[in-house]
N, C-alpha and C. Protein backbone atom coordinates (compact mmCIF):
# COMPACT_ATOMS: atom_id res chain seq x y z
N UNK A 1 5.89 -14.71 32.62
CA UNK A 1 6.79 -13.62 32.32
C UNK A 1 7.23 -13.68 30.86
N UNK A 2 7.47 -14.91 30.37
CA UNK A 2 7.91 -15.06 28.98
C UNK A 2 6.82 -14.57 28.02
N UNK A 3 5.53 -14.83 28.37
CA UNK A 3 4.43 -14.37 27.52
C UNK A 3 4.40 -12.84 27.46
N UNK A 4 4.63 -12.20 28.61
CA UNK A 4 4.65 -10.73 28.63
C UNK A 4 5.80 -10.20 27.79
N UNK A 5 6.95 -10.86 27.90
CA UNK A 5 8.11 -10.44 27.12
C UNK A 5 7.83 -10.58 25.63
N UNK A 6 7.22 -11.69 25.23
CA UNK A 6 6.88 -11.91 23.82
C UNK A 6 5.87 -10.88 23.33
N UNK A 7 4.87 -10.61 24.16
CA UNK A 7 3.86 -9.62 23.80
C UNK A 7 4.51 -8.24 23.63
N UNK A 8 5.41 -7.89 24.53
CA UNK A 8 6.11 -6.62 24.44
C UNK A 8 6.90 -6.53 23.14
N UNK A 9 7.57 -7.60 22.75
CA UNK A 9 8.37 -7.59 21.52
C UNK A 9 7.47 -7.45 20.29
N UNK A 10 6.30 -8.08 20.31
CA UNK A 10 5.36 -7.95 19.19
C UNK A 10 4.87 -6.52 19.09
N UNK A 11 4.47 -5.95 20.23
CA UNK A 11 4.00 -4.56 20.23
C UNK A 11 5.10 -3.63 19.78
N UNK A 12 6.31 -3.84 20.26
CA UNK A 12 7.45 -3.01 19.85
C UNK A 12 7.70 -3.15 18.36
N UNK A 13 7.62 -4.36 17.84
CA UNK A 13 7.83 -4.59 16.41
C UNK A 13 6.80 -3.87 15.56
N UNK A 14 5.54 -3.92 15.97
CA UNK A 14 4.49 -3.23 15.23
C UNK A 14 4.72 -1.73 15.29
N UNK A 15 5.14 -1.22 16.46
CA UNK A 15 5.41 0.21 16.60
C UNK A 15 6.55 0.63 15.69
N UNK A 16 7.61 -0.16 15.67
CA UNK A 16 8.76 0.17 14.82
C UNK A 16 8.36 0.15 13.35
N UNK A 17 7.63 -0.87 12.92
CA UNK A 17 7.20 -0.95 11.53
C UNK A 17 6.29 0.21 11.19
N UNK A 18 5.35 0.54 12.08
CA UNK A 18 4.44 1.66 11.83
C UNK A 18 5.20 2.97 11.76
N UNK A 19 6.31 3.06 12.46
CA UNK A 19 7.09 4.28 12.47
C UNK A 19 7.93 4.45 11.21
N UNK A 20 8.08 3.40 10.42
CA UNK A 20 8.88 3.49 9.20
C UNK A 20 8.38 4.62 8.33
N UNK A 21 7.07 4.78 8.25
CA UNK A 21 6.49 5.81 7.41
C UNK A 21 6.09 7.05 8.21
N UNK A 22 6.46 7.12 9.50
CA UNK A 22 6.01 8.23 10.33
C UNK A 22 6.44 9.58 9.76
N UNK A 23 7.61 9.65 9.14
CA UNK A 23 8.06 10.91 8.58
C UNK A 23 7.44 11.16 7.21
N UNK A 24 6.78 10.18 6.67
CA UNK A 24 6.16 10.32 5.36
C UNK A 24 4.79 10.95 5.51
N UNK A 25 4.34 11.60 4.49
CA UNK A 25 3.03 12.24 4.55
C UNK A 25 1.97 11.44 3.81
N UNK A 26 2.25 10.18 3.49
CA UNK A 26 1.35 9.42 2.65
C UNK A 26 0.91 8.07 3.21
N UNK A 27 1.79 7.31 3.84
CA UNK A 27 1.51 5.91 4.17
C UNK A 27 1.76 5.56 5.62
N UNK A 28 1.05 4.53 6.06
CA UNK A 28 1.31 3.88 7.34
C UNK A 28 1.35 2.38 7.08
N UNK A 29 1.94 1.65 8.00
CA UNK A 29 1.98 0.19 7.91
C UNK A 29 1.12 -0.37 9.03
N UNK A 30 0.23 -1.29 8.67
CA UNK A 30 -0.62 -1.96 9.64
C UNK A 30 -0.28 -3.45 9.62
N UNK A 31 -0.76 -4.14 10.63
CA UNK A 31 -0.52 -5.59 10.76
C UNK A 31 -1.86 -6.32 10.74
N UNK A 32 -1.93 -7.38 9.96
CA UNK A 32 -3.13 -8.22 9.88
C UNK A 32 -2.69 -9.64 10.18
N UNK A 33 -3.48 -10.37 10.97
CA UNK A 33 -3.06 -11.71 11.39
C UNK A 33 -2.84 -12.65 10.22
N UNK A 34 -3.61 -12.53 9.14
CA UNK A 34 -3.44 -13.41 7.99
C UNK A 34 -2.66 -12.77 6.85
N UNK A 35 -2.82 -11.47 6.67
CA UNK A 35 -2.19 -10.80 5.52
C UNK A 35 -0.80 -10.27 5.82
N UNK A 36 -0.43 -10.20 7.08
CA UNK A 36 0.87 -9.66 7.44
C UNK A 36 0.85 -8.13 7.44
N UNK A 37 1.99 -7.54 7.12
CA UNK A 37 2.10 -6.08 7.13
C UNK A 37 1.61 -5.52 5.80
N UNK A 38 0.75 -4.52 5.89
CA UNK A 38 0.19 -3.94 4.67
C UNK A 38 0.10 -2.42 4.81
N UNK A 39 -0.11 -1.76 3.68
CA UNK A 39 -0.11 -0.31 3.63
C UNK A 39 -1.51 0.27 3.77
N UNK A 40 -1.58 1.41 4.46
CA UNK A 40 -2.81 2.19 4.56
C UNK A 40 -2.47 3.65 4.33
N UNK A 41 -3.52 4.46 4.13
CA UNK A 41 -3.31 5.90 4.12
C UNK A 41 -3.18 6.34 5.58
N UNK A 42 -3.07 7.64 5.81
CA UNK A 42 -2.87 8.13 7.17
C UNK A 42 -4.11 8.00 8.05
N UNK A 43 -5.26 7.72 7.44
CA UNK A 43 -6.49 7.48 8.20
C UNK A 43 -6.71 6.00 8.47
N UNK A 44 -5.75 5.16 8.09
CA UNK A 44 -5.86 3.72 8.33
C UNK A 44 -6.67 2.97 7.29
N UNK A 45 -7.03 3.63 6.19
CA UNK A 45 -7.78 2.96 5.13
C UNK A 45 -6.84 2.14 4.26
N UNK A 46 -7.20 0.89 4.06
CA UNK A 46 -6.38 -0.07 3.33
C UNK A 46 -6.15 0.35 1.89
N UNK A 47 -4.92 0.13 1.43
CA UNK A 47 -4.55 0.40 0.04
C UNK A 47 -4.32 -0.91 -0.69
N UNK A 48 -4.66 -0.92 -1.96
CA UNK A 48 -4.61 -2.13 -2.78
C UNK A 48 -3.78 -1.90 -4.04
N UNK A 49 -3.33 -3.01 -4.61
CA UNK A 49 -2.69 -2.98 -5.93
C UNK A 49 -3.56 -3.81 -6.88
N UNK A 50 -3.44 -3.49 -8.17
CA UNK A 50 -4.22 -4.11 -9.24
C UNK A 50 -3.24 -4.81 -10.16
N UNK A 51 -3.37 -6.13 -10.31
CA UNK A 51 -2.37 -6.87 -11.08
C UNK A 51 -2.43 -6.60 -12.57
N UNK A 52 -3.46 -5.91 -13.05
CA UNK A 52 -3.47 -5.50 -14.45
C UNK A 52 -2.57 -4.30 -14.71
N UNK A 53 -2.16 -3.61 -13.63
CA UNK A 53 -1.14 -2.57 -13.75
C UNK A 53 0.21 -3.25 -13.90
N UNK A 54 1.13 -2.61 -14.59
CA UNK A 54 2.48 -3.15 -14.76
C UNK A 54 3.43 -2.33 -13.90
N UNK A 55 4.12 -3.01 -12.97
CA UNK A 55 5.03 -2.32 -12.06
C UNK A 55 6.05 -1.50 -12.82
N UNK A 56 6.19 -0.24 -12.43
CA UNK A 56 7.19 0.63 -13.01
C UNK A 56 6.82 1.24 -14.34
N UNK A 57 5.66 0.89 -14.89
CA UNK A 57 5.26 1.41 -16.19
C UNK A 57 4.84 2.88 -16.11
N UNK A 58 4.40 3.31 -14.93
CA UNK A 58 4.02 4.70 -14.74
C UNK A 58 2.62 5.03 -15.21
N UNK A 59 1.78 4.01 -15.38
CA UNK A 59 0.40 4.23 -15.79
C UNK A 59 -0.53 3.38 -14.94
N UNK A 60 -1.81 3.74 -14.98
CA UNK A 60 -2.85 2.97 -14.30
C UNK A 60 -3.73 2.32 -15.34
N UNK A 61 -4.20 1.12 -15.05
CA UNK A 61 -5.12 0.41 -15.94
C UNK A 61 -6.56 0.50 -15.44
N UNK A 62 -6.80 1.32 -14.41
CA UNK A 62 -8.12 1.38 -13.78
C UNK A 62 -8.75 2.76 -13.96
N UNK A 63 -9.74 2.83 -14.85
CA UNK A 63 -10.47 4.07 -15.14
C UNK A 63 -11.96 3.77 -15.22
N UNK A 64 -12.77 4.81 -15.33
CA UNK A 64 -14.22 4.64 -15.49
C UNK A 64 -14.85 3.91 -14.33
N UNK A 65 -15.63 2.87 -14.64
CA UNK A 65 -16.30 2.09 -13.61
C UNK A 65 -15.33 1.43 -12.65
N UNK A 66 -14.19 1.03 -13.18
CA UNK A 66 -13.16 0.43 -12.33
C UNK A 66 -12.74 1.43 -11.25
N UNK A 67 -12.47 2.67 -11.65
CA UNK A 67 -12.03 3.69 -10.69
C UNK A 67 -13.15 4.08 -9.73
N UNK A 68 -14.40 3.83 -10.12
CA UNK A 68 -15.51 4.07 -9.20
C UNK A 68 -15.51 3.07 -8.06
N UNK A 69 -15.22 1.82 -8.38
CA UNK A 69 -15.16 0.77 -7.36
C UNK A 69 -13.81 0.74 -6.65
N UNK A 70 -12.77 1.17 -7.35
CA UNK A 70 -11.40 1.15 -6.84
C UNK A 70 -10.79 2.54 -7.02
N UNK A 71 -11.20 3.51 -6.19
CA UNK A 71 -10.69 4.87 -6.35
C UNK A 71 -9.17 4.93 -6.18
N UNK A 72 -8.48 5.65 -7.06
CA UNK A 72 -7.03 5.78 -6.93
C UNK A 72 -6.67 6.58 -5.69
N UNK A 73 -5.51 6.28 -5.11
CA UNK A 73 -5.00 7.06 -3.97
C UNK A 73 -4.29 8.27 -4.57
N UNK A 74 -5.00 9.39 -4.60
CA UNK A 74 -4.48 10.60 -5.23
C UNK A 74 -3.71 11.45 -4.24
N UNK A 75 -2.66 12.08 -4.74
CA UNK A 75 -1.88 13.02 -3.94
C UNK A 75 -1.77 14.32 -4.72
N UNK A 76 -1.39 15.39 -4.04
CA UNK A 76 -1.31 16.70 -4.67
C UNK A 76 -0.08 16.87 -5.55
N UNK A 77 0.99 16.20 -5.19
CA UNK A 77 2.27 16.44 -5.85
C UNK A 77 2.43 15.65 -7.14
N UNK A 78 3.05 16.29 -8.13
CA UNK A 78 3.38 15.59 -9.37
C UNK A 78 4.62 14.73 -9.16
N UNK A 79 5.42 15.11 -8.19
CA UNK A 79 6.62 14.35 -7.84
C UNK A 79 6.73 14.32 -6.33
N UNK A 80 7.43 13.33 -5.83
CA UNK A 80 7.70 13.27 -4.40
C UNK A 80 9.18 13.51 -4.18
N UNK A 81 9.52 13.97 -2.98
CA UNK A 81 10.92 14.26 -2.69
C UNK A 81 11.72 12.98 -2.59
N UNK A 82 13.02 13.12 -2.67
CA UNK A 82 13.90 11.95 -2.55
C UNK A 82 13.69 11.27 -1.21
N UNK A 83 13.50 12.07 -0.16
CA UNK A 83 13.26 11.51 1.17
C UNK A 83 11.96 10.71 1.20
N UNK A 84 10.93 11.23 0.54
CA UNK A 84 9.64 10.55 0.50
C UNK A 84 9.68 9.30 -0.35
N UNK A 85 10.60 9.24 -1.27
CA UNK A 85 10.67 8.11 -2.20
C UNK A 85 11.07 6.80 -1.55
N UNK A 86 11.58 6.84 -0.31
CA UNK A 86 11.95 5.61 0.41
C UNK A 86 12.79 4.68 -0.44
N UNK A 87 13.93 5.14 -0.84
CA UNK A 87 14.85 4.32 -1.64
C UNK A 87 14.18 3.79 -2.89
N UNK A 88 13.36 4.61 -3.51
CA UNK A 88 12.73 4.21 -4.76
C UNK A 88 11.41 3.48 -4.60
N UNK A 89 10.94 3.26 -3.38
CA UNK A 89 9.70 2.51 -3.19
C UNK A 89 8.46 3.32 -3.57
N UNK A 90 8.50 4.63 -3.38
CA UNK A 90 7.35 5.46 -3.70
C UNK A 90 7.60 6.25 -4.97
N UNK A 91 6.57 6.36 -5.78
CA UNK A 91 6.64 7.16 -7.00
C UNK A 91 5.25 7.70 -7.29
N UNK A 92 5.15 8.50 -8.34
CA UNK A 92 3.87 9.11 -8.71
C UNK A 92 3.51 8.73 -10.13
N UNK A 93 2.27 8.34 -10.33
CA UNK A 93 1.72 8.03 -11.65
C UNK A 93 0.80 9.19 -12.03
N UNK A 94 1.00 9.76 -13.20
CA UNK A 94 0.08 10.80 -13.68
C UNK A 94 -1.03 10.11 -14.47
N UNK A 95 -2.26 10.29 -14.00
CA UNK A 95 -3.42 9.67 -14.63
C UNK A 95 -3.83 10.46 -15.86
N UNK A 96 -4.67 9.88 -16.70
CA UNK A 96 -5.06 10.53 -17.95
C UNK A 96 -5.80 11.85 -17.74
N UNK A 97 -6.40 12.04 -16.55
CA UNK A 97 -7.08 13.31 -16.27
C UNK A 97 -6.15 14.34 -15.64
N UNK A 98 -4.86 14.00 -15.53
CA UNK A 98 -3.87 14.91 -14.98
C UNK A 98 -3.69 14.83 -13.48
N UNK A 99 -4.50 14.02 -12.78
CA UNK A 99 -4.32 13.86 -11.34
C UNK A 99 -3.13 12.94 -11.09
N UNK A 100 -2.65 12.96 -9.85
CA UNK A 100 -1.44 12.22 -9.49
C UNK A 100 -1.77 11.13 -8.47
N UNK A 101 -1.38 9.91 -8.80
CA UNK A 101 -1.66 8.73 -7.99
C UNK A 101 -0.36 8.21 -7.40
N UNK A 102 -0.37 7.92 -6.09
CA UNK A 102 0.81 7.38 -5.44
C UNK A 102 1.00 5.92 -5.85
N UNK A 103 2.25 5.53 -6.09
CA UNK A 103 2.59 4.15 -6.42
C UNK A 103 3.62 3.64 -5.42
N UNK A 104 3.57 2.36 -5.12
CA UNK A 104 4.49 1.71 -4.20
C UNK A 104 5.16 0.56 -4.95
N UNK A 105 6.47 0.57 -4.97
CA UNK A 105 7.24 -0.41 -5.76
C UNK A 105 6.74 -0.46 -7.20
N UNK A 106 6.41 0.71 -7.72
CA UNK A 106 5.98 0.83 -9.11
C UNK A 106 4.53 0.50 -9.38
N UNK A 107 3.80 0.05 -8.36
CA UNK A 107 2.39 -0.33 -8.52
C UNK A 107 1.49 0.79 -8.00
N UNK A 108 0.62 1.35 -8.86
CA UNK A 108 -0.32 2.37 -8.39
C UNK A 108 -1.18 1.83 -7.24
N UNK A 109 -1.49 2.71 -6.29
CA UNK A 109 -2.26 2.32 -5.11
C UNK A 109 -3.72 2.78 -5.23
N UNK A 110 -4.62 1.95 -4.71
CA UNK A 110 -6.06 2.20 -4.80
C UNK A 110 -6.73 1.91 -3.46
N UNK A 111 -7.90 2.50 -3.28
CA UNK A 111 -8.82 2.14 -2.20
C UNK A 111 -9.84 1.15 -2.78
N UNK A 112 -10.64 0.54 -1.90
CA UNK A 112 -11.76 -0.28 -2.35
C UNK A 112 -13.04 0.35 -1.81
N UNK A 113 -13.99 0.65 -2.67
CA UNK A 113 -15.24 1.29 -2.26
C UNK A 113 -16.02 0.42 -1.28
N UNK A 114 -15.79 -0.88 -1.28
CA UNK A 114 -16.48 -1.79 -0.37
C UNK A 114 -15.95 -1.77 1.05
N UNK A 115 -14.78 -1.18 1.27
CA UNK A 115 -14.25 -1.03 2.63
C UNK A 115 -14.97 0.15 3.27
N UNK A 116 -15.59 -0.07 4.42
CA UNK A 116 -16.38 0.99 5.05
C UNK A 116 -15.68 1.69 6.19
N UNK A 117 -14.61 1.08 6.72
CA UNK A 117 -13.91 1.72 7.84
C UNK A 117 -12.43 1.37 7.79
N UNK A 118 -11.65 2.12 8.55
CA UNK A 118 -10.22 1.87 8.64
C UNK A 118 -9.98 0.42 9.06
N UNK A 119 -9.01 -0.21 8.43
CA UNK A 119 -8.66 -1.58 8.76
C UNK A 119 -9.41 -2.64 7.97
N UNK A 120 -10.48 -2.26 7.27
CA UNK A 120 -11.18 -3.23 6.43
C UNK A 120 -10.26 -3.69 5.30
N UNK A 121 -10.31 -4.97 4.98
CA UNK A 121 -9.50 -5.53 3.89
C UNK A 121 -10.38 -6.38 2.97
N UNK A 122 -11.62 -5.98 2.79
CA UNK A 122 -12.57 -6.78 2.03
C UNK A 122 -12.26 -6.83 0.54
N UNK A 123 -11.39 -5.96 0.07
CA UNK A 123 -11.03 -5.97 -1.35
C UNK A 123 -9.94 -6.96 -1.70
N UNK A 124 -9.35 -7.59 -0.69
CA UNK A 124 -8.24 -8.52 -0.95
C UNK A 124 -8.72 -9.72 -1.76
N UNK A 125 -8.05 -10.00 -2.84
CA UNK A 125 -8.27 -11.13 -3.75
C UNK A 125 -9.55 -11.00 -4.58
N UNK A 126 -10.16 -9.82 -4.63
CA UNK A 126 -11.36 -9.64 -5.45
C UNK A 126 -11.00 -9.88 -6.91
N UNK A 127 -11.75 -10.76 -7.55
CA UNK A 127 -11.53 -11.07 -8.96
C UNK A 127 -10.19 -11.70 -9.26
N UNK A 128 -9.44 -12.04 -8.23
CA UNK A 128 -8.11 -12.61 -8.43
C UNK A 128 -7.10 -11.61 -8.98
N UNK A 129 -7.46 -10.31 -8.97
CA UNK A 129 -6.56 -9.29 -9.52
C UNK A 129 -6.32 -8.12 -8.57
N UNK A 130 -7.04 -8.07 -7.46
CA UNK A 130 -6.87 -7.00 -6.47
C UNK A 130 -6.31 -7.59 -5.19
N UNK A 131 -5.27 -6.95 -4.66
CA UNK A 131 -4.61 -7.45 -3.46
C UNK A 131 -4.24 -6.31 -2.54
N UNK A 132 -4.30 -6.58 -1.23
CA UNK A 132 -3.82 -5.62 -0.26
C UNK A 132 -2.36 -5.31 -0.62
N UNK A 133 -1.99 -4.05 -0.55
CA UNK A 133 -0.61 -3.65 -0.84
C UNK A 133 0.26 -4.02 0.35
N UNK A 134 1.00 -5.11 0.24
CA UNK A 134 1.80 -5.56 1.36
C UNK A 134 3.08 -4.74 1.47
N UNK A 135 3.50 -4.54 2.71
CA UNK A 135 4.69 -3.75 3.00
C UNK A 135 5.95 -4.58 2.81
N UNK A 136 6.92 -4.02 2.14
CA UNK A 136 8.23 -4.64 1.98
C UNK A 136 9.27 -3.62 2.40
N UNK A 137 10.12 -3.94 3.38
CA UNK A 137 11.15 -2.98 3.79
C UNK A 137 12.01 -2.56 2.61
N UNK A 138 12.52 -1.34 2.67
CA UNK A 138 13.31 -0.79 1.57
C UNK A 138 14.53 -1.64 1.24
N UNK A 139 15.08 -2.34 2.23
CA UNK A 139 16.28 -3.13 1.98
C UNK A 139 15.97 -4.55 1.50
N UNK A 140 14.69 -4.90 1.42
CA UNK A 140 14.32 -6.23 0.94
C UNK A 140 14.50 -6.28 -0.57
N UNK A 141 15.04 -7.38 -1.05
CA UNK A 141 15.21 -7.54 -2.49
C UNK A 141 13.90 -8.05 -3.07
N UNK A 142 13.32 -7.27 -3.96
CA UNK A 142 12.07 -7.66 -4.61
C UNK A 142 12.08 -7.14 -6.02
N UNK A 143 12.28 -8.02 -6.97
CA UNK A 143 12.30 -7.59 -8.36
C UNK A 143 10.90 -7.53 -8.94
N UNK A 144 9.98 -8.26 -8.33
CA UNK A 144 8.59 -8.26 -8.78
C UNK A 144 7.69 -8.35 -7.57
N UNK A 145 6.51 -7.83 -7.67
CA UNK A 145 5.57 -7.86 -6.56
C UNK A 145 5.08 -9.29 -6.37
N UNK A 146 5.07 -9.77 -5.12
CA UNK A 146 4.64 -11.13 -4.82
C UNK A 146 3.18 -11.12 -4.40
N UNK A 147 2.30 -11.59 -5.27
CA UNK A 147 0.87 -11.56 -5.01
C UNK A 147 0.41 -12.75 -4.19
N UNK A 148 1.15 -13.81 -4.15
CA UNK A 148 0.66 -15.04 -3.54
C UNK A 148 1.15 -15.31 -2.15
N UNK A 149 1.81 -14.38 -1.52
CA UNK A 149 2.42 -14.63 -0.23
C UNK A 149 1.56 -14.08 0.91
N UNK A 150 0.26 -14.39 0.91
CA UNK A 150 -0.63 -13.80 1.88
C UNK A 150 -1.15 -14.76 2.93
N UNK A 151 -1.27 -16.03 2.64
CA UNK A 151 -1.83 -16.96 3.62
C UNK A 151 -0.85 -18.05 3.96
């Protein structure tokens, strides 16, 4: 009975975390046994951050061939609403071609061309500069993105 209760609490916790972004039109939270909670688009495709980007700078460092392998997560809006901003966690980066890329905690979000289906995380730690975009609750204190807290 205790195992069933624990399983129920885990399932409930994942449901609650996944629901955090339910009202948002951009992100979902998934759970990975080794990576913990991470961000995906609404189709479940994993989103990544690039450590060559500077949090909060409002620019992307990934263009050309880089953007071919790591396509930016583009959105239609030049700005997001206050409600969508999740207490400042979401913002928009305007790329040099005028398109708009979603950013989380100031870090532009990307896909990895090597991921072939929803839930793939094969881009994690590529080149030591690409990492799954891990989820941090809005009330968590985080002055800088923690790249090493995955295993």
